[in-house]
Amino acid sequence: MLTAIIILFSLAAIFGLTLLTFVLRGKETPKGIVFLHGPIAATALILLIIYVVNNTVSPVPSMVLFIIAAIGGVILVIRDFTRKSVPKSLAVVHGLIAVTGLILLIMFVLK
């Protein structure tokens, strides 16, 4: 299950990096990629939460970081869809938090 979660988060990260390049250049984000990135990351997060709830030894710090990143992601997508400017700093921090969560998750699996 953790391998599938890592694959989903990694795929979401690739889409997220693509979106970040648009945000940093001040360009409109491709909505097709937005509609892939969010649901893939949300699916991975839900699976991770299920894993954490059902296992005594689990990657709780990773889950917490992904929840924080998800909150930032919701803010970003709401601003994007309401045609408000997307803060570049929030987009970067959102990505950094998610990548940190992914690294911690991979470290948990590899230990």
Protein backbone atom coordinates (compact mmCIF):
# COMPACT_ATOMS: atom_id res chain seq x y z
CA MET A 1 0.00 0.00 0.00
CA LEU A 2 2.82 2.41 0.85
CA THR A 3 4.41 1.80 -2.53
CA ALA A 4 1.18 2.80 -4.27
CA ILE A 5 0.95 5.90 -2.07
CA ILE A 6 4.52 6.89 -2.95
CA ILE A 7 3.82 6.39 -6.65
CA LEU A 8 0.67 8.54 -6.46
CA PHE A 9 2.41 11.31 -4.52
CA SER A 10 5.33 11.20 -6.97
CA LEU A 11 2.96 11.53 -9.91
CA ALA A 12 1.21 14.41 -8.15
CA ALA A 13 4.62 16.00 -7.57
CA ILE A 14 5.43 15.87 -11.28
CA PHE A 15 2.14 17.58 -12.12
CA GLY A 16 2.70 20.03 -9.25
CA LEU A 17 6.14 20.97 -10.53
CA THR A 18 4.63 21.63 -13.93
CA LEU A 19 1.98 23.85 -12.35
CA LEU A 20 4.63 25.66 -10.31
CA THR A 21 6.50 26.63 -13.48
CA PHE A 22 3.35 28.35 -14.74
CA VAL A 23 2.76 30.14 -11.42
CA LEU A 24 6.35 31.36 -11.19
CA ARG A 25 6.16 32.75 -14.73
CA GLY A 26 2.85 34.47 -13.98
CA LYS A 27 1.03 32.38 -16.58
CA GLU A 28 -2.42 30.84 -16.31
CA THR A 29 -2.25 27.26 -15.05
CA PRO A 30 -3.48 24.52 -17.39
CA LYS A 31 -6.72 23.37 -15.80
CA GLY A 32 -6.29 19.81 -17.07
CA ILE A 33 -3.12 19.49 -15.02
CA VAL A 34 -4.81 21.13 -12.02
CA PHE A 35 -7.62 18.55 -12.27
CA LEU A 36 -5.05 15.74 -12.31
CA HIS A 37 -2.71 17.04 -9.59
CA GLY A 38 -5.31 17.64 -6.88
CA PRO A 39 -7.31 14.41 -7.09
CA ILE A 40 -4.18 12.26 -7.40
CA ALA A 41 -2.64 13.91 -4.32
CA ALA A 42 -5.95 13.69 -2.44
CA THR A 43 -6.27 9.99 -3.24
CA ALA A 44 -2.74 9.37 -1.99
CA LEU A 45 -3.45 11.36 1.18
CA ILE A 46 -6.64 9.44 1.89
CA LEU A 47 -4.79 6.16 1.44
CA LEU A 48 -2.01 7.41 3.72
CA ILE A 49 -4.51 8.39 6.41
CA ILE A 50 -6.12 4.95 6.17
CA TYR A 51 -2.68 3.35 6.50
CA VAL A 52 -1.78 5.47 9.54
CA VAL A 53 -5.10 4.73 11.27
CA ASN A 54 -4.73 0.98 10.71
CA ASN A 55 -1.06 0.53 11.66
CA THR A 56 0.64 1.12 14.99
CA VAL A 57 3.98 1.91 13.36
CA SER A 58 3.21 4.49 10.71
CA PRO A 59 4.55 7.62 9.03
CA VAL A 60 2.58 10.17 11.06
CA PRO A 61 4.98 13.11 10.42
CA SER A 62 4.65 12.53 6.69
CA MET A 63 0.87 12.47 6.96
CA VAL A 64 0.84 15.72 8.94
CA LEU A 65 2.99 17.44 6.33
CA PHE A 66 0.76 16.22 3.52
CA ILE A 67 -2.32 17.51 5.35
CA ILE A 68 -0.68 20.92 5.73
CA ALA A 69 0.29 20.86 2.05
CA ALA A 70 -3.27 19.90 1.12
CA ILE A 71 -4.64 22.92 3.00
CA GLY A 72 -2.25 25.14 1.05
CA GLY A 73 -3.27 23.40 -2.16
CA VAL A 74 -6.95 24.06 -1.52
CA ILE A 75 -6.17 27.75 -0.98
CA LEU A 76 -4.15 27.82 -4.21
CA VAL A 77 -6.84 26.14 -6.31
CA ILE A 78 -9.59 28.38 -4.91
CA ARG A 79 -7.55 31.48 -5.75
CA ASP A 80 -6.78 30.09 -9.19
CA PHE A 81 -10.41 29.26 -10.02
CA THR A 82 -11.68 32.62 -8.73
CA ARG A 83 -9.10 34.32 -10.97
CA LYS A 84 -7.28 35.88 -8.02
CA SER A 85 -3.51 35.99 -8.15
CA VAL A 86 -1.82 32.88 -6.89
CA PRO A 87 0.90 33.87 -4.41
CA LYS A 88 4.19 32.51 -5.71
CA SER A 89 5.52 32.12 -2.18
CA LEU A 90 2.52 29.98 -1.15
CA ALA A 91 2.94 27.82 -4.25
CA VAL A 92 6.63 27.27 -3.46
CA VAL A 93 6.00 26.55 0.25
CA HIS A 94 3.14 24.18 -0.67
CA GLY A 95 5.50 22.22 -2.90
CA LEU A 96 8.35 22.19 -0.39
CA ILE A 97 6.11 20.89 2.38
CA ALA A 98 4.72 18.16 0.12
CA VAL A 99 8.19 17.12 -1.08
CA THR A 100 9.39 16.97 2.52
CA GLY A 101 6.42 14.75 3.33
CA LEU A 102 7.29 12.52 0.39
CA ILE A 103 10.93 12.26 1.44
CA LEU A 104 9.91 11.34 4.99
CA LEU A 105 7.51 8.74 3.61
CA ILE A 106 10.20 7.19 1.44
CA MET A 107 12.62 7.18 4.40
CA PHE A 108 9.95 5.43 6.50
CA VAL A 109 9.53 2.72 3.87
CA LEU A 110 13.26 2.23 3.42
CA LYS A 111 14.18 1.92 7.10
